[in-house]
N, C-alpha and C. Protein backbone atom coordinates (compact mmCIF):
# COMPACT_ATOMS: atom_id res chain seq x y z
N MET A 1 0.86 -1.17 0.00
CA MET A 1 0.00 0.00 0.00
C MET A 1 0.90 1.23 0.00
N THR A 2 0.56 2.20 -0.84
CA THR A 2 1.38 3.40 -0.92
C THR A 2 1.06 4.33 0.24
N ARG A 3 2.02 5.21 0.50
CA ARG A 3 1.83 6.16 1.60
C ARG A 3 0.63 7.07 1.34
N ALA A 4 0.44 7.50 0.08
CA ALA A 4 -0.69 8.36 -0.25
C ALA A 4 -2.01 7.65 0.04
N ARG A 5 -2.10 6.35 -0.30
CA ARG A 5 -3.33 5.60 -0.05
C ARG A 5 -3.57 5.45 1.44
N LEU A 6 -2.51 5.21 2.20
CA LEU A 6 -2.64 5.08 3.64
C LEU A 6 -3.16 6.37 4.25
N GLN A 7 -2.63 7.50 3.81
CA GLN A 7 -3.08 8.78 4.34
C GLN A 7 -4.55 9.02 3.99
N THR A 8 -4.95 8.70 2.76
CA THR A 8 -6.34 8.87 2.35
C THR A 8 -7.26 8.02 3.22
N ASP A 9 -6.90 6.76 3.45
CA ASP A 9 -7.70 5.88 4.30
C ASP A 9 -7.81 6.43 5.72
N ASP A 10 -6.70 6.93 6.25
CA ASP A 10 -6.70 7.50 7.60
C ASP A 10 -7.61 8.72 7.68
N LEU A 11 -7.56 9.58 6.67
CA LEU A 11 -8.42 10.76 6.65
C LEU A 11 -9.89 10.37 6.59
N MET A 12 -10.21 9.39 5.78
CA MET A 12 -11.60 8.94 5.67
C MET A 12 -12.08 8.36 7.00
N GLN A 13 -11.25 7.57 7.66
CA GLN A 13 -11.64 6.99 8.94
C GLN A 13 -11.85 8.09 9.99
N LEU A 14 -11.00 9.09 9.98
CA LEU A 14 -11.15 10.22 10.90
C LEU A 14 -12.47 10.95 10.64
N ALA A 15 -12.77 11.21 9.37
CA ALA A 15 -14.00 11.91 9.02
C ALA A 15 -15.23 11.07 9.37
N ILE A 16 -15.17 9.76 9.15
CA ILE A 16 -16.28 8.87 9.52
C ILE A 16 -16.51 8.92 11.03
N GLY A 17 -15.43 8.97 11.81
CA GLY A 17 -15.54 9.08 13.25
C GLY A 17 -16.19 10.38 13.68
N ILE A 18 -15.88 11.47 12.99
CA ILE A 18 -16.48 12.78 13.30
C ILE A 18 -17.99 12.70 13.07
N VAL A 19 -18.41 12.10 11.97
CA VAL A 19 -19.85 11.96 11.69
C VAL A 19 -20.52 11.19 12.81
N GLY A 20 -19.92 10.08 13.22
CA GLY A 20 -20.51 9.25 14.26
C GLY A 20 -20.60 9.94 15.61
N ASP A 21 -19.63 10.81 15.91
CA ASP A 21 -19.60 11.50 17.20
C ASP A 21 -20.39 12.80 17.23
N CYS A 22 -20.81 13.29 16.07
CA CYS A 22 -21.47 14.59 15.99
C CYS A 22 -22.88 14.52 16.58
N PRO A 23 -23.23 15.46 17.48
CA PRO A 23 -24.57 15.46 18.06
C PRO A 23 -25.65 15.97 17.10
N ASP A 24 -25.22 16.64 16.03
CA ASP A 24 -26.16 17.16 15.03
C ASP A 24 -26.15 16.27 13.80
N ALA A 25 -27.12 16.46 12.92
CA ALA A 25 -27.18 15.68 11.69
C ALA A 25 -25.91 15.93 10.89
N ALA A 26 -25.25 14.85 10.51
CA ALA A 26 -24.01 14.94 9.75
C ALA A 26 -23.90 13.74 8.83
N PHE A 27 -23.23 13.96 7.70
CA PHE A 27 -22.96 12.86 6.79
C PHE A 27 -21.73 13.18 5.97
N LEU A 28 -21.07 12.13 5.49
CA LEU A 28 -19.84 12.24 4.73
C LEU A 28 -20.10 11.67 3.34
N VAL A 29 -19.69 12.43 2.32
CA VAL A 29 -19.93 12.03 0.95
C VAL A 29 -18.59 11.95 0.21
N ALA A 30 -18.33 10.80 -0.42
CA ALA A 30 -17.12 10.62 -1.22
C ALA A 30 -17.26 11.43 -2.51
N THR A 31 -16.16 11.62 -3.21
CA THR A 31 -16.17 12.46 -4.41
C THR A 31 -17.03 11.90 -5.53
N ASP A 32 -17.37 10.62 -5.49
CA ASP A 32 -18.26 10.07 -6.51
C ASP A 32 -19.73 10.26 -6.16
N GLY A 33 -20.01 10.94 -5.03
CA GLY A 33 -21.38 11.22 -4.61
C GLY A 33 -21.98 10.20 -3.67
N THR A 34 -21.22 9.16 -3.34
CA THR A 34 -21.70 8.10 -2.46
C THR A 34 -21.62 8.52 -1.00
N ILE A 35 -22.71 8.29 -0.26
CA ILE A 35 -22.70 8.56 1.17
C ILE A 35 -21.86 7.49 1.85
N VAL A 36 -20.83 7.93 2.57
CA VAL A 36 -19.90 7.02 3.25
C VAL A 36 -20.28 6.86 4.72
N ALA A 37 -20.82 7.91 5.32
CA ALA A 37 -21.22 7.87 6.73
C ALA A 37 -22.46 8.75 6.90
N TRP A 38 -23.35 8.29 7.80
CA TRP A 38 -24.64 8.96 8.04
C TRP A 38 -24.97 8.69 9.49
N ASN A 39 -25.18 9.73 10.29
CA ASN A 39 -25.39 9.49 11.72
C ASN A 39 -26.86 9.43 12.11
N THR A 40 -27.11 9.09 13.37
CA THR A 40 -28.47 8.95 13.88
C THR A 40 -29.27 10.26 13.78
N PRO A 41 -28.70 11.42 14.14
CA PRO A 41 -29.48 12.65 13.97
C PRO A 41 -29.85 12.92 12.50
N ALA A 42 -29.00 12.51 11.55
CA ALA A 42 -29.36 12.64 10.13
C ALA A 42 -30.54 11.72 9.81
N SER A 43 -30.51 10.52 10.36
CA SER A 43 -31.63 9.59 10.17
C SER A 43 -32.92 10.20 10.69
N GLU A 44 -32.86 10.84 11.84
CA GLU A 44 -34.04 11.45 12.44
C GLU A 44 -34.53 12.65 11.63
N LEU A 45 -33.61 13.47 11.15
CA LEU A 45 -33.98 14.67 10.38
C LEU A 45 -34.60 14.28 9.04
N PHE A 46 -33.93 13.39 8.31
CA PHE A 46 -34.37 13.04 6.96
C PHE A 46 -35.38 11.89 6.93
N GLY A 47 -35.52 11.17 8.05
CA GLY A 47 -36.43 10.04 8.06
C GLY A 47 -35.92 8.86 7.27
N ILE A 48 -34.59 8.76 7.16
CA ILE A 48 -33.96 7.70 6.38
C ILE A 48 -32.92 7.03 7.26
N ALA A 49 -33.07 5.74 7.48
CA ALA A 49 -32.14 5.00 8.33
C ALA A 49 -30.75 4.96 7.70
N THR A 50 -29.75 4.80 8.56
CA THR A 50 -28.36 4.76 8.10
C THR A 50 -28.16 3.72 7.02
N TRP A 51 -28.72 2.52 7.21
CA TRP A 51 -28.51 1.46 6.22
C TRP A 51 -29.20 1.77 4.89
N ASP A 52 -30.20 2.65 4.90
CA ASP A 52 -30.85 3.05 3.65
C ASP A 52 -30.12 4.20 2.97
N ALA A 53 -29.38 4.98 3.74
CA ALA A 53 -28.66 6.12 3.16
C ALA A 53 -27.25 5.74 2.71
N SER A 54 -26.57 4.93 3.50
CA SER A 54 -25.18 4.58 3.20
C SER A 54 -25.06 3.87 1.86
N ALA A 55 -24.02 4.23 1.14
CA ALA A 55 -23.67 3.66 -0.17
C ALA A 55 -24.63 4.09 -1.28
N HIS A 56 -25.50 5.05 -0.99
CA HIS A 56 -26.39 5.60 -2.02
C HIS A 56 -25.90 6.99 -2.42
N ASN A 57 -26.38 7.47 -3.54
CA ASN A 57 -26.00 8.78 -4.02
C ASN A 57 -26.61 9.87 -3.14
N CYS A 58 -25.78 10.81 -2.75
CA CYS A 58 -26.19 11.90 -1.86
C CYS A 58 -27.40 12.67 -2.41
N GLY A 59 -27.37 13.02 -3.67
CA GLY A 59 -28.46 13.78 -4.26
C GLY A 59 -29.79 13.05 -4.20
N ALA A 60 -29.74 11.73 -4.35
CA ALA A 60 -30.97 10.93 -4.31
C ALA A 60 -31.52 10.80 -2.91
N ILE A 61 -30.68 10.93 -1.90
CA ILE A 61 -31.11 10.79 -0.51
C ILE A 61 -31.47 12.14 0.11
N VAL A 62 -30.62 13.14 -0.08
CA VAL A 62 -30.81 14.45 0.59
C VAL A 62 -31.86 15.30 -0.13
N HIS A 63 -31.87 15.29 -1.44
CA HIS A 63 -32.85 16.06 -2.23
C HIS A 63 -32.83 17.54 -1.88
N GLY A 64 -31.65 18.13 -1.71
CA GLY A 64 -31.58 19.55 -1.38
C GLY A 64 -31.94 20.42 -2.58
N PHE A 65 -32.72 21.46 -2.32
CA PHE A 65 -33.08 22.38 -3.38
C PHE A 65 -33.15 23.80 -2.83
N SER A 66 -33.01 24.77 -3.74
CA SER A 66 -33.01 26.17 -3.35
C SER A 66 -34.43 26.63 -3.03
N GLN A 67 -34.53 27.84 -2.53
CA GLN A 67 -35.83 28.44 -2.21
C GLN A 67 -36.71 28.49 -3.46
N SER A 68 -36.08 28.69 -4.63
CA SER A 68 -36.85 28.78 -5.88
C SER A 68 -37.15 27.41 -6.49
N GLY A 69 -36.66 26.34 -5.86
CA GLY A 69 -36.96 25.00 -6.34
C GLY A 69 -35.89 24.37 -7.21
N GLU A 70 -34.79 25.06 -7.43
CA GLU A 70 -33.69 24.50 -8.23
C GLU A 70 -32.95 23.46 -7.42
N PRO A 71 -32.62 22.31 -8.02
CA PRO A 71 -31.88 21.29 -7.27
C PRO A 71 -30.47 21.76 -6.92
N ILE A 72 -30.09 21.54 -5.67
CA ILE A 72 -28.73 21.84 -5.21
C ILE A 72 -27.95 20.54 -5.14
N CYS A 73 -28.55 19.52 -4.56
CA CYS A 73 -27.91 18.20 -4.45
C CYS A 73 -28.21 17.43 -5.73
N ARG A 74 -27.14 17.16 -6.50
CA ARG A 74 -27.33 16.51 -7.79
C ARG A 74 -26.06 15.79 -8.21
N ALA A 75 -26.18 14.97 -9.22
CA ALA A 75 -25.01 14.29 -9.77
C ALA A 75 -24.03 15.34 -10.30
N GLY A 76 -22.75 15.08 -10.15
CA GLY A 76 -21.73 16.03 -10.61
C GLY A 76 -21.61 17.25 -9.73
N CYS A 77 -21.94 17.12 -8.47
CA CYS A 77 -21.89 18.24 -7.53
C CYS A 77 -20.51 18.91 -7.57
N PRO A 78 -20.46 20.21 -7.79
CA PRO A 78 -19.16 20.89 -7.85
C PRO A 78 -18.39 20.86 -6.54
N LEU A 79 -19.08 20.70 -5.40
CA LEU A 79 -18.38 20.60 -4.12
C LEU A 79 -17.56 19.31 -4.06
N LEU A 80 -18.11 18.24 -4.61
CA LEU A 80 -17.45 16.94 -4.53
C LEU A 80 -16.31 16.81 -5.52
N THR A 81 -16.42 17.47 -6.65
CA THR A 81 -15.36 17.36 -7.65
C THR A 81 -14.19 18.27 -7.33
N GLY A 82 -14.40 19.24 -6.45
CA GLY A 82 -13.32 20.16 -6.11
C GLY A 82 -13.10 21.21 -7.17
N ARG A 83 -13.96 21.26 -8.19
CA ARG A 83 -13.81 22.26 -9.26
C ARG A 83 -14.08 23.65 -8.74
N GLU A 84 -14.93 23.74 -7.74
CA GLU A 84 -15.26 25.04 -7.14
C GLU A 84 -14.95 24.97 -5.66
N PRO A 85 -14.46 26.06 -5.08
CA PRO A 85 -14.25 26.05 -3.63
C PRO A 85 -15.59 25.89 -2.91
N ALA A 86 -15.60 25.10 -1.87
CA ALA A 86 -16.83 24.89 -1.12
C ALA A 86 -17.16 26.14 -0.31
N PRO A 87 -18.40 26.62 -0.42
CA PRO A 87 -18.79 27.73 0.44
C PRO A 87 -18.88 27.20 1.87
N PRO A 88 -18.76 28.07 2.86
CA PRO A 88 -18.85 27.60 4.24
C PRO A 88 -20.18 26.91 4.53
N SER A 89 -21.26 27.41 3.93
CA SER A 89 -22.56 26.78 4.14
C SER A 89 -23.49 27.13 2.98
N THR A 90 -24.55 26.34 2.89
CA THR A 90 -25.55 26.55 1.86
C THR A 90 -26.93 26.47 2.51
N ALA A 91 -27.74 27.49 2.29
CA ALA A 91 -29.13 27.45 2.75
C ALA A 91 -29.91 26.66 1.72
N MET A 92 -30.67 25.69 2.18
CA MET A 92 -31.46 24.87 1.27
C MET A 92 -32.70 24.34 1.97
N ARG A 93 -33.53 23.75 1.17
CA ARG A 93 -34.71 23.08 1.68
C ARG A 93 -34.52 21.60 1.38
N VAL A 94 -34.91 20.75 2.31
CA VAL A 94 -34.77 19.31 2.16
C VAL A 94 -36.07 18.63 2.55
N ARG A 95 -36.27 17.43 2.01
CA ARG A 95 -37.39 16.61 2.47
C ARG A 95 -37.02 16.06 3.83
N SER A 96 -37.96 16.08 4.74
CA SER A 96 -37.67 15.69 6.10
C SER A 96 -38.77 14.79 6.64
N GLY A 97 -38.37 13.66 7.20
CA GLY A 97 -39.31 12.78 7.87
C GLY A 97 -40.10 11.89 6.93
N LEU A 98 -40.90 11.05 7.53
CA LEU A 98 -41.64 10.05 6.78
C LEU A 98 -42.77 10.64 5.94
N LEU A 99 -43.25 11.81 6.30
CA LEU A 99 -44.36 12.41 5.57
C LEU A 99 -43.88 13.31 4.44
N ASP A 100 -42.59 13.29 4.16
CA ASP A 100 -42.01 14.10 3.08
C ASP A 100 -42.28 15.59 3.25
N SER A 101 -42.32 16.05 4.49
CA SER A 101 -42.46 17.48 4.70
C SER A 101 -41.15 18.15 4.27
N VAL A 102 -41.21 19.44 4.03
CA VAL A 102 -40.04 20.18 3.58
C VAL A 102 -39.57 21.04 4.73
N ARG A 103 -38.25 21.07 4.91
CA ARG A 103 -37.67 21.81 6.02
C ARG A 103 -36.50 22.65 5.53
N ALA A 104 -36.40 23.88 6.02
CA ALA A 104 -35.28 24.75 5.69
C ALA A 104 -34.10 24.44 6.61
N VAL A 105 -32.92 24.29 6.04
CA VAL A 105 -31.72 24.00 6.81
C VAL A 105 -30.54 24.78 6.22
N ASN A 106 -29.49 24.88 7.00
CA ASN A 106 -28.20 25.33 6.51
C ASN A 106 -27.30 24.10 6.54
N VAL A 107 -26.61 23.85 5.45
CA VAL A 107 -25.67 22.73 5.40
C VAL A 107 -24.27 23.32 5.32
N HIS A 108 -23.47 23.01 6.33
CA HIS A 108 -22.09 23.47 6.39
C HIS A 108 -21.21 22.41 5.73
N HIS A 109 -20.27 22.85 4.91
CA HIS A 109 -19.45 21.94 4.12
C HIS A 109 -17.99 22.01 4.58
N LEU A 110 -17.40 20.87 4.79
CA LEU A 110 -15.98 20.81 5.13
C LEU A 110 -15.31 19.81 4.20
N PRO A 111 -14.62 20.30 3.18
CA PRO A 111 -13.91 19.38 2.29
C PRO A 111 -12.80 18.66 3.04
N ILE A 112 -12.69 17.37 2.83
CA ILE A 112 -11.61 16.57 3.39
C ILE A 112 -10.59 16.42 2.26
N ARG A 113 -9.43 17.03 2.46
CA ARG A 113 -8.42 17.05 1.39
C ARG A 113 -7.20 16.24 1.77
N ASP A 114 -6.71 15.50 0.82
CA ASP A 114 -5.47 14.77 0.99
C ASP A 114 -4.35 15.71 0.57
N ALA A 115 -3.56 16.16 1.52
CA ALA A 115 -2.51 17.14 1.26
C ALA A 115 -1.45 16.58 0.31
N MET A 116 -1.14 15.30 0.43
CA MET A 116 -0.12 14.71 -0.44
C MET A 116 -0.58 14.66 -1.89
N LEU A 117 -1.85 14.34 -2.09
CA LEU A 117 -2.38 14.25 -3.45
C LEU A 117 -2.89 15.60 -3.96
N GLY A 118 -3.19 16.51 -3.01
CA GLY A 118 -3.71 17.82 -3.38
C GLY A 118 -5.14 17.77 -3.90
N THR A 119 -5.89 16.77 -3.48
CA THR A 119 -7.26 16.60 -3.98
C THR A 119 -8.25 16.47 -2.83
N THR A 120 -9.48 16.79 -3.14
CA THR A 120 -10.58 16.54 -2.21
C THR A 120 -10.94 15.07 -2.30
N ILE A 121 -11.05 14.40 -1.16
CA ILE A 121 -11.40 12.98 -1.16
C ILE A 121 -12.83 12.74 -0.66
N ALA A 122 -13.40 13.73 0.01
CA ALA A 122 -14.77 13.64 0.52
C ALA A 122 -15.17 15.02 1.03
N VAL A 123 -16.47 15.16 1.28
CA VAL A 123 -16.97 16.40 1.88
C VAL A 123 -17.84 16.02 3.07
N LEU A 124 -17.50 16.59 4.22
CA LEU A 124 -18.28 16.41 5.44
C LEU A 124 -19.37 17.46 5.43
N HIS A 125 -20.61 17.03 5.65
CA HIS A 125 -21.77 17.93 5.68
C HIS A 125 -22.36 17.92 7.08
N LEU A 126 -22.49 19.09 7.66
CA LEU A 126 -23.12 19.26 8.98
C LEU A 126 -24.40 20.06 8.76
N VAL A 127 -25.52 19.52 9.22
CA VAL A 127 -26.82 20.13 8.95
C VAL A 127 -27.30 20.88 10.18
N ASP A 128 -27.64 22.14 9.96
CA ASP A 128 -28.12 23.03 11.01
C ASP A 128 -29.55 23.45 10.66
N PRO A 129 -30.54 22.86 11.33
CA PRO A 129 -31.92 23.29 11.06
C PRO A 129 -32.09 24.77 11.42
N ARG A 130 -32.77 25.50 10.58
CA ARG A 130 -32.98 26.94 10.83
C ARG A 130 -34.23 27.16 11.61
């Protein structure tokens, strides 16, 4: 195993641990859009169990959209590709709970970057209900 791969794995494990320890809704998304970690508060907010969210595409699970109805969470997300700098947070509306009600939230983004490779390997999302 190369040193770069070892560092990437260590960073991912650290980020997964942060999601698990976070008291607020949090989830980790790999650069291909796959949810890598999803905590209990996220399950409660979105009404989607961890086993139903994990390994699925973030856009298909979170369904984030702007106030005007434009999709924010989608395939080819610029935050995940690293093509655009991640804003500190994004105000959006998401489907919440079993009744598909809509809820306004702020999602804070923390890119997880591998310094040796100089690339984003995942994005940690922390959800702050407004």
